[in-house]
């Protein structure tokens, strides 16, 4: 494929390069994928207001999130199992976020631990956390993230029960045996 000219082309490249089970995991949503479609519809309604005859020689897209200055109003959301897509997984994402001057939020279900991601170098990082019945697990994850230099917790509270992911059911999704949820190994 030649030069990528729009964001939707990334999805097609991923479809071609990833195993079907991995692509479907990343590209699909739960139930009938209604929320996924509504999210896409909502983004399609965001429009840029053109500014005509205005000096654009110095544009500053920077903003702050929870007091942290980032280069643009874009952050990296938590995404589980990144090493299913590439051996560098969350390491590469952490380095890319740092290079772009933005924030990466590491998934609790990462295939790299908070300590491993912290070892990739500087960067502002948040940690996404589910509330587990065993509150000792929750407390331990928070302490590890804090010790590793993560700056905030992105608490996920809407998942007392995971959604019915139809693509994963059809594919009989399982995490490949060479990967583990690194934050839960011990």
N, C-alpha and C. Protein backbone atom coordinates (compact mmCIF):
# COMPACT_ATOMS: atom_id res chain seq x y z
N UNK A 1 0.85 -1.18 0.00
CA UNK A 1 0.00 0.00 0.00
C UNK A 1 0.89 1.23 0.00
N UNK A 2 0.48 2.24 -0.75
CA UNK A 2 1.24 3.48 -0.83
C UNK A 2 1.10 4.31 0.43
N UNK A 3 1.27 5.59 0.26
CA UNK A 3 1.19 6.52 1.37
C UNK A 3 -0.22 6.53 1.97
N UNK A 4 -0.28 6.53 3.29
CA UNK A 4 -1.57 6.60 3.98
C UNK A 4 -2.06 8.04 3.93
N UNK A 5 -3.27 8.23 3.44
CA UNK A 5 -3.79 9.58 3.29
C UNK A 5 -4.97 9.90 4.21
N UNK A 6 -5.53 8.88 4.87
CA UNK A 6 -6.60 9.16 5.83
C UNK A 6 -6.65 8.06 6.89
N UNK A 7 -7.31 8.36 7.98
CA UNK A 7 -7.30 7.48 9.16
C UNK A 7 -7.95 6.13 8.89
N UNK A 8 -8.95 6.08 8.04
CA UNK A 8 -9.64 4.81 7.81
C UNK A 8 -8.74 3.78 7.10
N UNK A 9 -7.71 4.25 6.43
CA UNK A 9 -6.80 3.33 5.76
C UNK A 9 -6.02 2.47 6.76
N UNK A 10 -5.81 2.98 7.98
CA UNK A 10 -5.13 2.17 9.00
C UNK A 10 -5.93 0.91 9.31
N UNK A 11 -7.24 1.03 9.36
CA UNK A 11 -8.07 -0.13 9.66
C UNK A 11 -7.91 -1.20 8.59
N UNK A 12 -7.87 -0.80 7.35
CA UNK A 12 -7.72 -1.77 6.26
C UNK A 12 -6.35 -2.44 6.31
N UNK A 13 -5.31 -1.67 6.63
CA UNK A 13 -3.96 -2.26 6.77
C UNK A 13 -3.96 -3.27 7.90
N UNK A 14 -4.59 -2.92 9.02
CA UNK A 14 -4.66 -3.85 10.16
C UNK A 14 -5.42 -5.11 9.77
N UNK A 15 -6.50 -4.97 9.03
CA UNK A 15 -7.28 -6.14 8.60
C UNK A 15 -6.41 -7.08 7.77
N UNK A 16 -5.55 -6.53 6.93
CA UNK A 16 -4.69 -7.34 6.08
C UNK A 16 -3.54 -8.00 6.85
N UNK A 17 -3.02 -7.32 7.87
CA UNK A 17 -1.81 -7.79 8.54
C UNK A 17 -2.07 -8.65 9.77
N UNK A 18 -3.16 -8.42 10.48
CA UNK A 18 -3.39 -9.13 11.74
C UNK A 18 -4.16 -10.43 11.52
N UNK A 19 -3.93 -11.42 12.37
CA UNK A 19 -4.79 -12.60 12.33
C UNK A 19 -6.25 -12.16 12.57
N UNK A 20 -7.20 -12.86 11.98
CA UNK A 20 -8.61 -12.48 12.06
C UNK A 20 -9.07 -12.30 13.51
N UNK A 21 -8.69 -13.23 14.39
CA UNK A 21 -9.14 -13.14 15.78
C UNK A 21 -8.64 -11.85 16.44
N UNK A 22 -7.39 -11.47 16.18
CA UNK A 22 -6.83 -10.24 16.77
C UNK A 22 -7.50 -9.01 16.16
N UNK A 23 -7.63 -8.99 14.84
CA UNK A 23 -8.28 -7.83 14.21
C UNK A 23 -9.70 -7.66 14.73
N UNK A 24 -10.46 -8.74 14.77
CA UNK A 24 -11.84 -8.66 15.24
C UNK A 24 -11.91 -8.20 16.69
N UNK A 25 -10.95 -8.62 17.52
CA UNK A 25 -10.95 -8.16 18.92
C UNK A 25 -10.82 -6.65 18.98
N UNK A 26 -9.87 -6.09 18.24
CA UNK A 26 -9.64 -4.65 18.27
C UNK A 26 -10.74 -3.86 17.58
N UNK A 27 -11.30 -4.39 16.50
CA UNK A 27 -12.22 -3.62 15.67
C UNK A 27 -13.68 -3.72 16.09
N UNK A 28 -14.02 -4.67 16.95
CA UNK A 28 -15.43 -4.88 17.26
C UNK A 28 -15.78 -4.35 18.65
N UNK A 29 -17.06 -4.37 18.92
CA UNK A 29 -17.59 -3.97 20.23
C UNK A 29 -18.48 -5.06 20.78
N UNK A 30 -19.21 -4.72 21.82
CA UNK A 30 -20.08 -5.69 22.48
C UNK A 30 -21.49 -5.64 21.90
N UNK A 31 -22.22 -6.71 22.21
CA UNK A 31 -23.62 -6.86 21.81
C UNK A 31 -23.75 -6.67 20.30
N UNK A 32 -24.65 -5.84 19.85
CA UNK A 32 -24.83 -5.65 18.40
C UNK A 32 -23.97 -4.50 17.88
N UNK A 33 -22.99 -4.07 18.67
CA UNK A 33 -22.04 -3.02 18.31
C UNK A 33 -22.72 -1.66 18.14
N UNK A 34 -23.85 -1.48 18.79
CA UNK A 34 -24.60 -0.23 18.70
C UNK A 34 -23.77 0.95 19.21
N UNK A 35 -23.14 0.80 20.38
CA UNK A 35 -22.34 1.89 20.96
C UNK A 35 -21.15 2.23 20.07
N UNK A 36 -20.52 1.21 19.50
CA UNK A 36 -19.41 1.44 18.59
C UNK A 36 -19.86 2.30 17.41
N UNK A 37 -21.01 1.98 16.83
CA UNK A 37 -21.52 2.77 15.71
C UNK A 37 -21.91 4.17 16.15
N UNK A 38 -22.51 4.30 17.33
CA UNK A 38 -22.88 5.63 17.83
C UNK A 38 -21.63 6.49 18.08
N UNK A 39 -20.55 5.88 18.56
CA UNK A 39 -19.31 6.63 18.74
C UNK A 39 -18.80 7.14 17.40
N UNK A 40 -18.82 6.28 16.39
CA UNK A 40 -18.38 6.72 15.06
C UNK A 40 -19.27 7.83 14.53
N UNK A 41 -20.58 7.69 14.73
CA UNK A 41 -21.51 8.74 14.29
C UNK A 41 -21.22 10.06 15.01
N UNK A 42 -20.97 10.00 16.30
CA UNK A 42 -20.68 11.21 17.08
C UNK A 42 -19.42 11.90 16.55
N UNK A 43 -18.36 11.12 16.27
CA UNK A 43 -17.15 11.73 15.73
C UNK A 43 -17.40 12.33 14.36
N UNK A 44 -18.25 11.72 13.56
CA UNK A 44 -18.51 12.26 12.22
C UNK A 44 -19.24 13.59 12.27
N UNK A 45 -19.88 13.90 13.41
CA UNK A 45 -20.58 15.18 13.54
C UNK A 45 -19.67 16.31 14.04
N UNK A 46 -18.43 15.99 14.39
CA UNK A 46 -17.49 17.03 14.81
C UNK A 46 -16.94 17.69 13.56
N UNK A 47 -17.12 18.97 13.50
CA UNK A 47 -16.69 19.73 12.32
C UNK A 47 -15.67 20.79 12.71
N UNK A 48 -14.77 21.07 11.81
CA UNK A 48 -13.84 22.17 12.00
C UNK A 48 -14.44 23.42 11.40
N UNK A 49 -14.34 24.51 12.14
CA UNK A 49 -14.83 25.78 11.62
C UNK A 49 -13.67 26.47 10.93
N UNK A 50 -13.78 26.66 9.63
CA UNK A 50 -12.67 27.29 8.90
C UNK A 50 -12.46 28.73 9.36
N UNK A 51 -11.22 29.11 9.46
CA UNK A 51 -10.86 30.49 9.78
C UNK A 51 -10.18 31.05 8.54
N UNK A 52 -10.75 32.10 8.02
CA UNK A 52 -10.25 32.69 6.77
C UNK A 52 -9.50 33.99 7.08
N UNK A 53 -8.41 34.20 6.38
CA UNK A 53 -7.59 35.40 6.50
C UNK A 53 -7.11 35.64 7.93
N UNK A 54 -6.67 34.57 8.57
CA UNK A 54 -6.13 34.64 9.92
C UNK A 54 -4.71 34.10 9.89
N UNK A 55 -3.82 34.75 10.62
CA UNK A 55 -2.42 34.33 10.67
C UNK A 55 -2.32 32.94 11.32
N UNK A 56 -1.86 31.96 10.56
CA UNK A 56 -1.70 30.61 11.08
C UNK A 56 -0.23 30.19 11.09
N UNK A 57 0.66 31.16 11.10
CA UNK A 57 2.09 30.84 11.09
C UNK A 57 2.55 30.24 12.41
N UNK A 58 1.82 30.50 13.49
CA UNK A 58 2.16 29.93 14.80
C UNK A 58 0.90 29.34 15.41
N UNK A 59 0.76 28.03 15.26
CA UNK A 59 -0.42 27.34 15.79
C UNK A 59 0.01 26.54 17.01
N UNK A 60 -0.74 26.66 18.08
CA UNK A 60 -0.45 25.92 19.31
C UNK A 60 -1.65 25.05 19.67
N UNK A 61 -1.50 23.75 19.51
CA UNK A 61 -2.57 22.81 19.83
C UNK A 61 -2.48 22.30 21.26
N UNK A 62 -1.48 22.75 22.01
CA UNK A 62 -1.27 22.21 23.35
C UNK A 62 -2.44 22.53 24.27
N UNK A 63 -2.59 21.67 25.27
CA UNK A 63 -3.63 21.84 26.28
C UNK A 63 -3.15 21.19 27.56
N UNK A 64 -3.97 21.21 28.58
CA UNK A 64 -3.62 20.51 29.82
C UNK A 64 -4.71 19.52 30.17
N UNK A 65 -4.28 18.42 30.76
CA UNK A 65 -5.20 17.40 31.27
C UNK A 65 -4.76 17.10 32.69
N UNK A 66 -5.63 17.35 33.64
CA UNK A 66 -5.33 17.16 35.06
C UNK A 66 -4.02 17.85 35.45
N UNK A 67 -3.78 19.01 34.84
CA UNK A 67 -2.59 19.79 35.16
C UNK A 67 -1.35 19.41 34.37
N UNK A 68 -1.42 18.40 33.53
CA UNK A 68 -0.28 17.98 32.72
C UNK A 68 -0.41 18.58 31.33
N UNK A 69 0.63 19.27 30.89
CA UNK A 69 0.61 19.88 29.57
C UNK A 69 0.91 18.82 28.52
N UNK A 70 0.05 18.76 27.50
CA UNK A 70 0.27 17.84 26.39
C UNK A 70 0.24 18.64 25.09
N UNK A 71 0.82 18.08 24.05
CA UNK A 71 1.04 18.81 22.80
C UNK A 71 -0.21 19.03 21.98
N UNK A 72 -1.24 18.24 22.25
CA UNK A 72 -2.46 18.30 21.43
C UNK A 72 -3.61 17.72 22.25
N UNK A 73 -4.82 18.01 21.87
CA UNK A 73 -5.96 17.48 22.64
C UNK A 73 -6.32 16.04 22.27
N UNK A 74 -5.29 15.21 22.17
CA UNK A 74 -5.46 13.80 21.83
C UNK A 74 -4.61 12.99 22.80
N UNK A 75 -5.22 11.95 23.39
CA UNK A 75 -4.51 11.04 24.28
C UNK A 75 -4.69 9.62 23.75
N UNK A 76 -3.92 8.70 24.30
CA UNK A 76 -4.05 7.30 23.91
C UNK A 76 -4.87 6.57 24.97
N UNK A 77 -6.00 6.04 24.53
CA UNK A 77 -6.92 5.33 25.43
C UNK A 77 -6.37 3.96 25.77
N UNK A 78 -6.82 3.39 26.88
CA UNK A 78 -6.35 2.05 27.24
C UNK A 78 -6.84 1.01 26.24
N UNK A 79 -5.92 0.18 25.78
CA UNK A 79 -6.25 -0.90 24.86
C UNK A 79 -5.56 -2.16 25.35
N UNK A 80 -6.33 -3.19 25.59
CA UNK A 80 -5.80 -4.45 26.13
C UNK A 80 -5.03 -5.23 25.06
N UNK A 81 -4.17 -6.10 25.53
CA UNK A 81 -3.52 -7.14 24.71
C UNK A 81 -2.76 -6.59 23.49
N UNK A 82 -2.05 -5.49 23.63
CA UNK A 82 -1.41 -4.87 22.46
C UNK A 82 -0.36 -5.74 21.79
N UNK A 83 0.25 -6.65 22.53
CA UNK A 83 1.25 -7.52 21.90
C UNK A 83 0.62 -8.55 20.97
N UNK A 84 -0.69 -8.63 20.95
CA UNK A 84 -1.35 -9.46 19.94
C UNK A 84 -1.14 -8.85 18.55
N UNK A 85 -1.00 -7.52 18.51
CA UNK A 85 -0.84 -6.82 17.24
C UNK A 85 0.62 -6.68 16.82
N UNK A 86 1.51 -6.56 17.81
CA UNK A 86 2.92 -6.35 17.50
C UNK A 86 3.75 -6.75 18.71
N UNK A 87 4.92 -7.36 18.50
CA UNK A 87 5.75 -7.80 19.64
C UNK A 87 6.13 -6.69 20.62
N UNK A 88 6.23 -5.46 20.14
CA UNK A 88 6.57 -4.34 21.02
C UNK A 88 5.37 -3.86 21.83
N UNK A 89 4.17 -4.11 21.35
CA UNK A 89 2.94 -3.79 22.07
C UNK A 89 2.95 -2.46 22.79
N UNK A 90 2.69 -2.53 24.10
CA UNK A 90 2.58 -1.33 24.93
C UNK A 90 3.88 -0.54 25.02
N UNK A 91 5.03 -1.20 24.83
CA UNK A 91 6.31 -0.48 24.84
C UNK A 91 6.31 0.56 23.72
N UNK A 92 5.93 0.12 22.52
CA UNK A 92 5.93 1.02 21.37
C UNK A 92 4.92 2.14 21.57
N UNK A 93 3.77 1.80 22.12
CA UNK A 93 2.75 2.82 22.36
C UNK A 93 3.26 3.86 23.36
N UNK A 94 3.92 3.42 24.42
CA UNK A 94 4.45 4.35 25.42
C UNK A 94 5.50 5.27 24.80
N UNK A 95 6.39 4.71 23.98
CA UNK A 95 7.41 5.54 23.34
C UNK A 95 6.78 6.52 22.36
N UNK A 96 5.78 6.07 21.62
CA UNK A 96 5.11 6.95 20.65
C UNK A 96 4.38 8.09 21.35
N UNK A 97 3.69 7.79 22.45
CA UNK A 97 2.98 8.83 23.20
C UNK A 97 3.97 9.87 23.72
N UNK A 98 5.08 9.39 24.25
CA UNK A 98 6.09 10.30 24.77
C UNK A 98 6.66 11.18 23.65
N UNK A 99 6.98 10.56 22.52
CA UNK A 99 7.53 11.32 21.39
C UNK A 99 6.54 12.35 20.87
N UNK A 100 5.25 12.03 20.94
CA UNK A 100 4.21 12.95 20.46
C UNK A 100 3.83 13.98 21.52
N UNK A 101 4.34 13.81 22.73
CA UNK A 101 4.04 14.76 23.79
C UNK A 101 2.64 14.64 24.35
N UNK A 102 2.12 13.42 24.36
CA UNK A 102 0.77 13.23 24.89
C UNK A 102 0.76 12.11 25.94
N UNK A 103 -0.40 11.81 26.45
CA UNK A 103 -0.57 10.86 27.55
C UNK A 103 -1.02 9.51 27.03
N UNK A 104 -0.39 8.46 27.56
CA UNK A 104 -0.83 7.09 27.30
C UNK A 104 -1.53 6.59 28.55
N UNK A 105 -2.67 5.95 28.37
CA UNK A 105 -3.34 5.27 29.48
C UNK A 105 -3.16 3.77 29.27
N UNK A 106 -2.47 3.13 30.21
CA UNK A 106 -2.18 1.71 30.11
C UNK A 106 -3.37 0.91 30.63
N UNK A 107 -3.79 -0.08 29.87
CA UNK A 107 -4.88 -0.96 30.27
C UNK A 107 -4.44 -1.87 31.41
N UNK A 108 -5.37 -2.13 32.34
CA UNK A 108 -5.10 -3.16 33.36
C UNK A 108 -4.77 -4.49 32.68
N UNK A 109 -5.41 -4.74 31.56
CA UNK A 109 -5.25 -6.00 30.84
C UNK A 109 -4.15 -5.90 29.78
N UNK A 110 -3.10 -5.19 30.10
CA UNK A 110 -1.98 -5.03 29.19
C UNK A 110 -1.13 -6.30 29.15
N UNK A 111 -0.43 -6.46 28.04
CA UNK A 111 0.52 -7.56 27.92
C UNK A 111 1.92 -7.10 28.30
N UNK A 112 2.01 -5.92 28.90
CA UNK A 112 3.23 -5.38 29.51
C UNK A 112 2.83 -4.80 30.85
N UNK A 113 3.66 -4.97 31.86
CA UNK A 113 3.33 -4.48 33.20
C UNK A 113 3.58 -2.98 33.33
N UNK A 114 3.06 -2.41 34.40
CA UNK A 114 3.29 -0.98 34.65
C UNK A 114 4.79 -0.72 34.77
N UNK A 115 5.51 -1.62 35.39
CA UNK A 115 6.96 -1.45 35.55
C UNK A 115 7.66 -1.51 34.20
N UNK A 116 7.26 -2.44 33.34
CA UNK A 116 7.88 -2.56 32.01
C UNK A 116 7.60 -1.31 31.17
N UNK A 117 6.39 -0.82 31.21
CA UNK A 117 6.05 0.39 30.44
C UNK A 117 6.84 1.59 30.98
N UNK A 118 6.95 1.69 32.29
CA UNK A 118 7.71 2.80 32.89
C UNK A 118 9.17 2.75 32.45
N UNK A 119 9.69 1.55 32.22
CA UNK A 119 11.11 1.40 31.85
C UNK A 119 11.40 1.86 30.42
N UNK A 120 10.37 2.18 29.63
CA UNK A 120 10.60 2.58 28.24
C UNK A 120 11.13 4.01 28.12
N UNK A 121 11.11 4.76 29.21
CA UNK A 121 11.62 6.13 29.17
C UNK A 121 10.60 7.11 29.71
N UNK A 122 10.86 8.39 29.50
CA UNK A 122 9.98 9.41 30.07
C UNK A 122 8.62 9.43 29.40
N UNK A 123 7.67 10.02 30.08
CA UNK A 123 6.34 10.18 29.51
C UNK A 123 5.31 10.32 30.61
N UNK A 124 4.21 10.95 30.27
CA UNK A 124 3.09 11.06 31.20
C UNK A 124 2.19 9.88 30.95
N UNK A 125 1.96 9.09 32.00
CA UNK A 125 1.16 7.87 31.84
C UNK A 125 0.09 7.79 32.91
N UNK A 126 -1.09 7.35 32.48
CA UNK A 126 -2.19 7.06 33.39
C UNK A 126 -2.39 5.54 33.38
N UNK A 127 -3.06 5.02 34.40
CA UNK A 127 -3.32 3.59 34.48
C UNK A 127 -4.81 3.35 34.59
N UNK A 128 -5.35 2.55 33.68
CA UNK A 128 -6.78 2.21 33.69
C UNK A 128 -6.98 1.06 34.64
N UNK A 129 -7.98 1.18 35.50
CA UNK A 129 -8.18 0.21 36.56
C UNK A 129 -9.63 -0.21 36.65
N UNK A 130 -9.86 -1.51 36.69
CA UNK A 130 -11.19 -2.05 36.98
C UNK A 130 -11.30 -2.23 38.49
N UNK A 131 -12.51 -2.21 38.99
CA UNK A 131 -12.73 -2.49 40.40
C UNK A 131 -13.00 -3.99 40.53
N UNK A 132 -12.10 -4.69 41.21
CA UNK A 132 -12.23 -6.13 41.41
C UNK A 132 -12.82 -6.41 42.79
N UNK A 133 -13.46 -7.56 42.91
CA UNK A 133 -14.02 -7.95 44.22
C UNK A 133 -12.93 -7.98 45.28
N UNK A 134 -11.78 -8.50 44.93
CA UNK A 134 -10.66 -8.54 45.86
C UNK A 134 -9.99 -7.16 45.87
N UNK A 135 -10.34 -6.36 46.86
CA UNK A 135 -9.82 -4.99 46.93
C UNK A 135 -8.32 -4.95 47.18
N UNK A 136 -7.75 -6.05 47.68
CA UNK A 136 -6.30 -6.10 47.84
C UNK A 136 -5.60 -6.07 46.49
N UNK A 137 -6.20 -6.71 45.49
CA UNK A 137 -5.66 -6.67 44.13
C UNK A 137 -5.69 -5.24 43.61
N UNK A 138 -6.80 -4.55 43.84
CA UNK A 138 -6.95 -3.16 43.40
C UNK A 138 -5.89 -2.28 44.07
N UNK A 139 -5.76 -2.41 45.38
CA UNK A 139 -4.78 -1.60 46.12
C UNK A 139 -3.36 -1.88 45.64
N UNK A 140 -3.05 -3.14 45.39
CA UNK A 140 -1.71 -3.50 44.92
C UNK A 140 -1.42 -2.90 43.55
N UNK A 141 -2.41 -2.96 42.64
CA UNK A 141 -2.22 -2.38 41.31
C UNK A 141 -2.01 -0.87 41.39
N UNK A 142 -2.77 -0.20 42.24
CA UNK A 142 -2.62 1.25 42.40
C UNK A 142 -1.23 1.57 42.94
N UNK A 143 -0.78 0.84 43.95
CA UNK A 143 0.56 1.08 44.52
C UNK A 143 1.65 0.86 43.47
N UNK A 144 1.53 -0.20 42.69
CA UNK A 144 2.53 -0.49 41.66
C UNK A 144 2.55 0.61 40.61
N UNK A 145 1.37 1.06 40.17
CA UNK A 145 1.31 2.13 39.17
C UNK A 145 1.92 3.42 39.72
N UNK A 146 1.59 3.73 40.96
CA UNK A 146 2.14 4.94 41.57
C UNK A 146 3.66 4.85 41.68
N UNK A 147 4.15 3.72 42.15
CA UNK A 147 5.60 3.52 42.28
C UNK A 147 6.30 3.60 40.93
N UNK A 148 5.63 3.15 39.87
CA UNK A 148 6.19 3.17 38.52
C UNK A 148 6.10 4.55 37.87
N UNK A 149 5.51 5.52 38.57
CA UNK A 149 5.47 6.89 38.05
C UNK A 149 4.21 7.26 37.29
N UNK A 150 3.21 6.41 37.30
CA UNK A 150 1.95 6.75 36.64
C UNK A 150 1.29 7.88 37.41
N UNK A 151 0.68 8.82 36.69
CA UNK A 151 0.23 10.07 37.30
C UNK A 151 -1.24 10.10 37.66
N UNK A 152 -2.04 9.20 37.13
CA UNK A 152 -3.47 9.20 37.43
C UNK A 152 -4.04 7.80 37.21
N UNK A 153 -5.18 7.57 37.84
CA UNK A 153 -5.91 6.33 37.66
C UNK A 153 -7.16 6.65 36.84
N UNK A 154 -7.35 5.94 35.75
CA UNK A 154 -8.58 6.04 34.96
C UNK A 154 -9.46 4.88 35.42
N UNK A 155 -10.37 5.17 36.32
CA UNK A 155 -11.18 4.14 36.96
C UNK A 155 -12.35 3.75 36.06
N UNK A 156 -12.41 2.49 35.69
CA UNK A 156 -13.50 1.98 34.86
C UNK A 156 -14.54 1.37 35.78
N UNK A 157 -15.71 2.00 35.83
CA UNK A 157 -16.74 1.55 36.77
C UNK A 157 -17.96 0.97 36.07
N UNK A 158 -17.97 0.96 34.75
CA UNK A 158 -19.15 0.50 34.03
C UNK A 158 -19.03 -0.94 33.55
N UNK A 159 -18.15 -1.71 34.17
CA UNK A 159 -17.94 -3.07 33.70
C UNK A 159 -18.07 -4.09 34.83
N UNK A 160 -19.20 -4.08 35.56
CA UNK A 160 -19.35 -5.13 36.55
C UNK A 160 -19.47 -6.50 35.87
N UNK A 161 -19.89 -6.45 34.61
CA UNK A 161 -19.99 -7.65 33.79
C UNK A 161 -19.58 -7.24 32.38
N UNK A 162 -18.68 -7.98 31.78
CA UNK A 162 -18.23 -7.64 30.43
C UNK A 162 -19.36 -7.81 29.42
N UNK A 163 -19.35 -6.95 28.40
CA UNK A 163 -20.35 -7.07 27.34
C UNK A 163 -20.16 -8.35 26.54
N UNK A 164 -21.21 -8.74 25.89
CA UNK A 164 -21.20 -9.96 25.06
C UNK A 164 -20.58 -9.60 23.71
N UNK A 165 -19.32 -9.94 23.54
CA UNK A 165 -18.58 -9.57 22.34
C UNK A 165 -18.77 -10.68 21.30
N UNK A 166 -19.67 -10.43 20.36
CA UNK A 166 -20.07 -11.46 19.41
C UNK A 166 -18.94 -11.94 18.52
N UNK A 167 -18.08 -11.02 18.08
CA UNK A 167 -16.95 -11.45 17.24
C UNK A 167 -16.03 -12.38 18.01
N UNK A 168 -15.82 -12.09 19.30
CA UNK A 168 -14.97 -12.96 20.11
C UNK A 168 -15.61 -14.33 20.31
N UNK A 169 -16.93 -14.36 20.45
CA UNK A 169 -17.64 -15.63 20.58
C UNK A 169 -17.47 -16.45 19.30
N UNK A 170 -17.71 -15.81 18.16
CA UNK A 170 -17.58 -16.51 16.88
C UNK A 170 -16.16 -17.01 16.64
N UNK A 171 -15.18 -16.21 17.03
CA UNK A 171 -13.78 -16.58 16.82
C UNK A 171 -13.23 -17.48 17.92
N UNK A 172 -14.05 -17.75 18.94
CA UNK A 172 -13.59 -18.49 20.12
C UNK A 172 -12.30 -17.86 20.65
N UNK A 173 -12.39 -16.54 20.89
CA UNK A 173 -11.23 -15.75 21.28
C UNK A 173 -10.56 -16.29 22.54
N UNK A 174 -9.25 -16.44 22.45
CA UNK A 174 -8.40 -16.71 23.60
C UNK A 174 -7.12 -15.91 23.40
N UNK A 175 -6.55 -15.44 24.49
CA UNK A 175 -5.28 -14.76 24.40
C UNK A 175 -4.23 -15.78 23.96
N UNK A 176 -3.44 -15.46 22.94
CA UNK A 176 -2.42 -16.42 22.49
C UNK A 176 -1.57 -16.89 23.68
N UNK A 177 -1.17 -18.16 23.68
CA UNK A 177 -0.48 -18.75 24.84
C UNK A 177 0.85 -18.09 25.20
N UNK A 178 1.48 -17.39 24.26
CA UNK A 178 2.76 -16.75 24.55
C UNK A 178 2.57 -15.38 25.21
N UNK A 179 1.32 -14.95 25.41
CA UNK A 179 1.03 -13.67 26.04
C UNK A 179 0.33 -13.87 27.38
N UNK A 180 0.58 -12.96 28.30
CA UNK A 180 -0.09 -12.99 29.60
C UNK A 180 -0.50 -11.58 30.00
N UNK A 181 -1.40 -11.51 30.97
CA UNK A 181 -1.77 -10.22 31.55
C UNK A 181 -0.70 -9.89 32.58
N UNK A 182 0.28 -9.09 32.15
CA UNK A 182 1.49 -8.88 32.94
C UNK A 182 1.24 -8.25 34.31
N UNK A 183 0.20 -7.47 34.46
CA UNK A 183 -0.07 -6.85 35.76
C UNK A 183 -0.64 -7.83 36.78
N UNK A 184 -0.95 -9.06 36.33
CA UNK A 184 -1.57 -10.05 37.22
C UNK A 184 -0.74 -11.32 37.34
N UNK A 185 0.49 -11.31 36.85
CA UNK A 185 1.29 -12.54 36.84
C UNK A 185 1.53 -13.11 38.23
N UNK A 186 1.75 -12.26 39.21
CA UNK A 186 2.04 -12.77 40.55
C UNK A 186 0.80 -12.83 41.41
